[in-house]
Amino acid sequence: MVEKSKLDEDKEGKAVDLSHYHGMIGTLLYLIASRPDLQFVISMCARYQAWPTVKHIHT
């Protein structure tokens, strides 16, 4: 189990296009049914849909 994720809140970061970010998450959601090992990673990415920044996408 991961104790500390590498993703953290970036209040000062540059905002990105939400529709692009939501599209990326939506594309990955179908993998949860066939690849349960990816569920944790996808859920961590989905947490940042409210305010995604460049740091969250390009790290």
PDB file of N, CA and C in Angstrom:
ATOM      1  N   MET A   1       0.836  -1.184   0.000  1.00  0.00           N
ATOM      2  CA  MET A   1       0.000   0.000   0.000  1.00  0.00           C
ATOM      3  C   MET A   1       0.881   1.247   0.000  1.00  0.00           C
ATOM      4  N   VAL A   2       0.471   2.232  -0.730  1.00  0.00           N
ATOM      5  CA  VAL A   2       1.230   3.468  -0.833  1.00  0.00           C
ATOM      6  C   VAL A   2       0.872   4.378   0.335  1.00  0.00           C
ATOM      7  N   GLU A   3       1.882   4.817   1.082  1.00  0.00           N
ATOM      8  CA  GLU A   3       1.626   5.686   2.222  1.00  0.00           C
ATOM      9  C   GLU A   3       1.524   7.149   1.816  1.00  0.00           C
ATOM     10  N   LYS A   4       2.304   7.585   0.862  1.00  0.00           N
ATOM     11  CA  LYS A   4       2.280   8.979   0.418  1.00  0.00           C
ATOM     12  C   LYS A   4       2.296   8.996  -1.096  1.00  0.00           C
ATOM     13  N   SER A   5       1.298   9.620  -1.675  1.00  0.00           N
ATOM     14  CA  SER A   5       1.261   9.701  -3.133  1.00  0.00           C
ATOM     15  C   SER A   5       2.170  10.826  -3.614  1.00  0.00           C
ATOM     16  N   LYS A   6       2.579  10.754  -4.858  1.00  0.00           N
ATOM     17  CA  LYS A   6       3.428  11.793  -5.432  1.00  0.00           C
ATOM     18  C   LYS A   6       2.608  12.996  -5.880  1.00  0.00           C
ATOM     19  N   LEU A   7       1.296  12.815  -6.021  1.00  0.00           N
ATOM     20  CA  LEU A   7       0.442  13.934  -6.406  1.00  0.00           C
ATOM     21  C   LEU A   7       0.128  14.763  -5.172  1.00  0.00           C
ATOM     22  N   ASP A   8       0.267  16.051  -5.280  1.00  0.00           N
ATOM     23  CA  ASP A   8      -0.085  16.927  -4.180  1.00  0.00           C
ATOM     24  C   ASP A   8      -0.806  18.150  -4.725  1.00  0.00           C
ATOM     25  N   GLU A   9      -1.446  18.881  -3.824  1.00  0.00           N
ATOM     26  CA  GLU A   9      -2.207  20.053  -4.227  1.00  0.00           C
ATOM     27  C   GLU A   9      -1.255  21.131  -4.732  1.00  0.00           C
ATOM     28  N   ASP A  10      -1.629  21.770  -5.813  1.00  0.00           N
ATOM     29  CA  ASP A  10      -0.794  22.800  -6.422  1.00  0.00           C
ATOM     30  C   ASP A  10      -1.639  24.058  -6.597  1.00  0.00           C
ATOM     31  N   LYS A  11      -1.833  24.814  -5.508  1.00  0.00           N
ATOM     32  CA  LYS A  11      -2.698  26.000  -5.527  1.00  0.00           C
ATOM     33  C   LYS A  11      -2.152  27.109  -6.410  1.00  0.00           C
ATOM     34  N   GLU A  12      -0.857  27.159  -6.602  1.00  0.00           N
ATOM     35  CA  GLU A  12      -0.234  28.225  -7.382  1.00  0.00           C
ATOM     36  C   GLU A  12      -0.023  27.839  -8.847  1.00  0.00           C
ATOM     37  N   GLY A  13      -0.402  26.637  -9.223  1.00  0.00           N
ATOM     38  CA  GLY A  13      -0.132  26.134 -10.566  1.00  0.00           C
ATOM     39  C   GLY A  13      -1.011  26.745 -11.636  1.00  0.00           C
ATOM     40  N   LYS A  14      -0.579  26.602 -12.870  1.00  0.00           N
ATOM     41  CA  LYS A  14      -1.311  27.099 -14.028  1.00  0.00           C
ATOM     42  C   LYS A  14      -2.424  26.112 -14.376  1.00  0.00           C
ATOM     43  N   ALA A  15      -3.657  26.601 -14.494  1.00  0.00           N
ATOM     44  CA  ALA A  15      -4.808  25.749 -14.795  1.00  0.00           C
ATOM     45  C   ALA A  15      -4.739  25.243 -16.236  1.00  0.00           C
ATOM     46  N   VAL A  16      -5.323  24.077 -16.469  1.00  0.00           N
ATOM     47  CA  VAL A  16      -5.371  23.487 -17.806  1.00  0.00           C
ATOM     48  C   VAL A  16      -6.826  23.370 -18.252  1.00  0.00           C
ATOM     49  N   ASP A  17      -7.018  23.012 -19.512  1.00  0.00           N
ATOM     50  CA  ASP A  17      -8.354  22.845 -20.069  1.00  0.00           C
ATOM     51  C   ASP A  17      -9.046  21.661 -19.396  1.00  0.00           C
ATOM     52  N   LEU A  18     -10.151  21.915 -18.679  1.00  0.00           N
ATOM     53  CA  LEU A  18     -10.844  20.867 -17.942  1.00  0.00           C
ATOM     54  C   LEU A  18     -11.406  19.782 -18.847  1.00  0.00           C
ATOM     55  N   SER A  19     -11.890  20.153 -20.030  1.00  0.00           N
ATOM     56  CA  SER A  19     -12.478  19.145 -20.911  1.00  0.00           C
ATOM     57  C   SER A  19     -11.417  18.137 -21.371  1.00  0.00           C
ATOM     58  N   HIS A  20     -10.205  18.595 -21.594  1.00  0.00           N
ATOM     59  CA  HIS A  20      -9.116  17.683 -21.971  1.00  0.00           C
ATOM     60  C   HIS A  20      -8.798  16.736 -20.818  1.00  0.00           C
ATOM     61  N   TYR A  21      -8.713  17.275 -19.618  1.00  0.00           N
ATOM     62  CA  TYR A  21      -8.391  16.468 -18.441  1.00  0.00           C
ATOM     63  C   TYR A  21      -9.492  15.459 -18.154  1.00  0.00           C
ATOM     64  N   HIS A  22     -10.748  15.889 -18.206  1.00  0.00           N
ATOM     65  CA  HIS A  22     -11.872  14.976 -17.976  1.00  0.00           C
ATOM     66  C   HIS A  22     -11.908  13.887 -19.041  1.00  0.00           C
ATOM     67  N   GLY A  23     -11.565  14.234 -20.261  1.00  0.00           N
ATOM     68  CA  GLY A  23     -11.523  13.244 -21.334  1.00  0.00           C
ATOM     69  C   GLY A  23     -10.477  12.175 -21.083  1.00  0.00           C
ATOM     70  N   MET A  24      -9.319  12.582 -20.562  1.00  0.00           N
ATOM     71  CA  MET A  24      -8.274  11.608 -20.246  1.00  0.00           C
ATOM     72  C   MET A  24      -8.746  10.637 -19.174  1.00  0.00           C
ATOM     73  N   ILE A  25      -9.387  11.159 -18.128  1.00  0.00           N
ATOM     74  CA  ILE A  25      -9.879  10.301 -17.050  1.00  0.00           C
ATOM     75  C   ILE A  25     -10.980   9.389 -17.573  1.00  0.00           C
ATOM     76  N   GLY A  26     -11.900   9.943 -18.371  1.00  0.00           N
ATOM     77  CA  GLY A  26     -12.979   9.134 -18.933  1.00  0.00           C
ATOM     78  C   GLY A  26     -12.465   7.999 -19.795  1.00  0.00           C
ATOM     79  N   THR A  27     -11.414   8.252 -20.544  1.00  0.00           N
ATOM     80  CA  THR A  27     -10.823   7.217 -21.388  1.00  0.00           C
ATOM     81  C   THR A  27     -10.231   6.093 -20.546  1.00  0.00           C
ATOM     82  N   LEU A  28      -9.698   6.421 -19.399  1.00  0.00           N
ATOM     83  CA  LEU A  28      -9.083   5.408 -18.539  1.00  0.00           C
ATOM     84  C   LEU A  28     -10.086   4.608 -17.713  1.00  0.00           C
ATOM     85  N   LEU A  29     -11.278   5.126 -17.495  1.00  0.00           N
ATOM     86  CA  LEU A  29     -12.222   4.459 -16.601  1.00  0.00           C
ATOM     87  C   LEU A  29     -12.636   3.070 -17.073  1.00  0.00           C
ATOM     88  N   TYR A  30     -12.679   2.852 -18.370  1.00  0.00           N
ATOM     89  CA  TYR A  30     -13.075   1.529 -18.856  1.00  0.00           C
ATOM     90  C   TYR A  30     -12.058   0.450 -18.470  1.00  0.00           C
ATOM     91  N   LEU A  31     -10.839   0.835 -18.176  1.00  0.00           N
ATOM     92  CA  LEU A  31      -9.811  -0.134 -17.802  1.00  0.00           C
ATOM     93  C   LEU A  31     -10.047  -0.757 -16.431  1.00  0.00           C
ATOM     94  N   ILE A  32     -10.803  -0.084 -15.571  1.00  0.00           N
ATOM     95  CA  ILE A  32     -11.000  -0.587 -14.214  1.00  0.00           C
ATOM     96  C   ILE A  32     -11.629  -1.977 -14.222  1.00  0.00           C
ATOM     97  N   ALA A  33     -12.587  -2.204 -15.112  1.00  0.00           N
ATOM     98  CA  ALA A  33     -13.264  -3.502 -15.153  1.00  0.00           C
ATOM     99  C   ALA A  33     -12.327  -4.618 -15.608  1.00  0.00           C
ATOM    100  N   SER A  34     -11.479  -4.333 -16.571  1.00  0.00           N
ATOM    101  CA  SER A  34     -10.614  -5.384 -17.105  1.00  0.00           C
ATOM    102  C   SER A  34      -9.237  -5.441 -16.447  1.00  0.00           C
ATOM    103  N   ARG A  35      -8.813  -4.347 -15.825  1.00  0.00           N
ATOM    104  CA  ARG A  35      -7.487  -4.294 -15.192  1.00  0.00           C
ATOM    105  C   ARG A  35      -7.606  -3.700 -13.797  1.00  0.00           C
ATOM    106  N   PRO A  36      -8.050  -4.486 -12.806  1.00  0.00           N
ATOM    107  CA  PRO A  36      -8.249  -3.948 -11.460  1.00  0.00           C
ATOM    108  C   PRO A  36      -6.973  -3.393 -10.828  1.00  0.00           C
ATOM    109  N   ASP A  37      -5.808  -3.810 -11.292  1.00  0.00           N
ATOM    110  CA  ASP A  37      -4.553  -3.289 -10.752  1.00  0.00           C
ATOM    111  C   ASP A  37      -4.365  -1.804 -11.072  1.00  0.00           C
ATOM    112  N   LEU A  38      -5.060  -1.305 -12.088  1.00  0.00           N
ATOM    113  CA  LEU A  38      -4.958   0.109 -12.457  1.00  0.00           C
ATOM    114  C   LEU A  38      -5.948   0.993 -11.709  1.00  0.00           C
ATOM    115  N   GLN A  39      -6.857   0.400 -10.960  1.00  0.00           N
ATOM    116  CA  GLN A  39      -7.908   1.165 -10.297  1.00  0.00           C
ATOM    117  C   GLN A  39      -7.340   2.220  -9.352  1.00  0.00           C
ATOM    118  N   PHE A  40      -6.318   1.891  -8.578  1.00  0.00           N
ATOM    119  CA  PHE A  40      -5.740   2.847  -7.641  1.00  0.00           C
ATOM    120  C   PHE A  40      -5.149   4.049  -8.365  1.00  0.00           C
ATOM    121  N   VAL A  41      -4.404   3.810  -9.412  1.00  0.00           N
ATOM    122  CA  VAL A  41      -3.761   4.889 -10.162  1.00  0.00           C
ATOM    123  C   VAL A  41      -4.805   5.808 -10.787  1.00  0.00           C
ATOM    124  N   ILE A  42      -5.835   5.226 -11.382  1.00  0.00           N
ATOM    125  CA  ILE A  42      -6.880   6.025 -12.019  1.00  0.00           C
ATOM    126  C   ILE A  42      -7.636   6.839 -10.983  1.00  0.00           C
ATOM    127  N   SER A  43      -7.907   6.254  -9.815  1.00  0.00           N
ATOM    128  CA  SER A  43      -8.625   7.009  -8.782  1.00  0.00           C
ATOM    129  C   SER A  43      -7.778   8.165  -8.256  1.00  0.00           C
ATOM    130  N   MET A  44      -6.449   7.986  -8.183  1.00  0.00           N
ATOM    131  CA  MET A  44      -5.581   9.081  -7.748  1.00  0.00           C
ATOM    132  C   MET A  44      -5.611  10.225  -8.761  1.00  0.00           C
ATOM    133  N   CYS A  45      -5.618   9.908 -10.046  1.00  0.00           N
ATOM    134  CA  CYS A  45      -5.694  10.943 -11.081  1.00  0.00           C
ATOM    135  C   CYS A  45      -7.049  11.641 -11.053  1.00  0.00           C
ATOM    136  N   ALA A  46      -8.103  10.894 -10.809  1.00  0.00           N
ATOM    137  CA  ALA A  46      -9.448  11.459 -10.806  1.00  0.00           C
ATOM    138  C   ALA A  46      -9.658  12.439  -9.661  1.00  0.00           C
ATOM    139  N   ARG A  47      -8.881  12.336  -8.602  1.00  0.00           N
ATOM    140  CA  ARG A  47      -9.019  13.257  -7.466  1.00  0.00           C
ATOM    141  C   ARG A  47      -8.732  14.708  -7.853  1.00  0.00           C
ATOM    142  N   TYR A  48      -7.975  14.922  -8.895  1.00  0.00           N
ATOM    143  CA  TYR A  48      -7.548  16.263  -9.265  1.00  0.00           C
ATOM    144  C   TYR A  48      -8.386  16.868 -10.390  1.00  0.00           C
ATOM    145  N   GLN A  49      -9.594  16.356 -10.622  1.00  0.00           N
ATOM    146  CA  GLN A  49     -10.446  16.896 -11.672  1.00  0.00           C
ATOM    147  C   GLN A  49     -10.992  18.271 -11.316  1.00  0.00           C
ATOM    148  N   ALA A  50     -11.127  18.586 -10.042  1.00  0.00           N
ATOM    149  CA  ALA A  50     -11.700  19.868  -9.641  1.00  0.00           C
ATOM    150  C   ALA A  50     -10.804  21.039 -10.037  1.00  0.00           C
ATOM    151  N   TRP A  51      -9.497  20.900  -9.907  1.00  0.00           N
ATOM    152  CA  TRP A  51      -8.559  21.983 -10.232  1.00  0.00           C
ATOM    153  C   TRP A  51      -7.254  21.405 -10.772  1.00  0.00           C
ATOM    154  N   PRO A  52      -7.281  20.822 -11.965  1.00  0.00           N
ATOM    155  CA  PRO A  52      -6.052  20.254 -12.519  1.00  0.00           C
ATOM    156  C   PRO A  52      -5.097  21.349 -12.971  1.00  0.00           C
ATOM    157  N   THR A  53      -3.832  21.140 -12.743  1.00  0.00           N
ATOM    158  CA  THR A  53      -2.818  22.094 -13.178  1.00  0.00           C
ATOM    159  C   THR A  53      -1.817  21.376 -14.081  1.00  0.00           C
ATOM    160  N   VAL A  54      -0.954  22.144 -14.692  1.00  0.00           N
ATOM    161  CA  VAL A  54       0.063  21.592 -15.584  1.00  0.00           C
ATOM    162  C   VAL A  54       0.941  20.596 -14.824  1.00  0.00           C
ATOM    163  N   LYS A  55       1.235  20.881 -13.572  1.00  0.00           N
ATOM    164  CA  LYS A  55       2.076  19.998 -12.755  1.00  0.00           C
ATOM    165  C   LYS A  55       1.473  18.601 -12.653  1.00  0.00           C
ATOM    166  N   HIS A  56       0.152  18.498 -12.519  1.00  0.00           N
ATOM    167  CA  HIS A  56      -0.498  17.204 -12.353  1.00  0.00           C
ATOM    168  C   HIS A  56      -0.507  16.389 -13.639  1.00  0.00           C
ATOM    169  N   ILE A  57      -0.455  17.023 -14.776  1.00  0.00           N
ATOM    170  CA  ILE A  57      -0.523  16.307 -16.045  1.00  0.00           C
ATOM    171  C   ILE A  57       0.861  15.957 -16.569  1.00  0.00           C
ATOM    172  N   HIS A  58       1.844  16.812 -16.356  1.00  0.00           N
ATOM    173  CA  HIS A  58       3.162  16.641 -16.978  1.00  0.00           C
ATOM    174  C   HIS A  58       4.251  16.217 -16.009  1.00  0.00           C
ATOM    175  N   THR A  59       3.915  15.491 -14.932  1.00  0.00           N
ATOM    176  CA  THR A  59       4.976  15.035 -14.027  1.00  0.00           C
ATOM    177  C   THR A  59       5.235  13.577 -14.197  1.00  0.00           C
TER     178      THR A  59
END
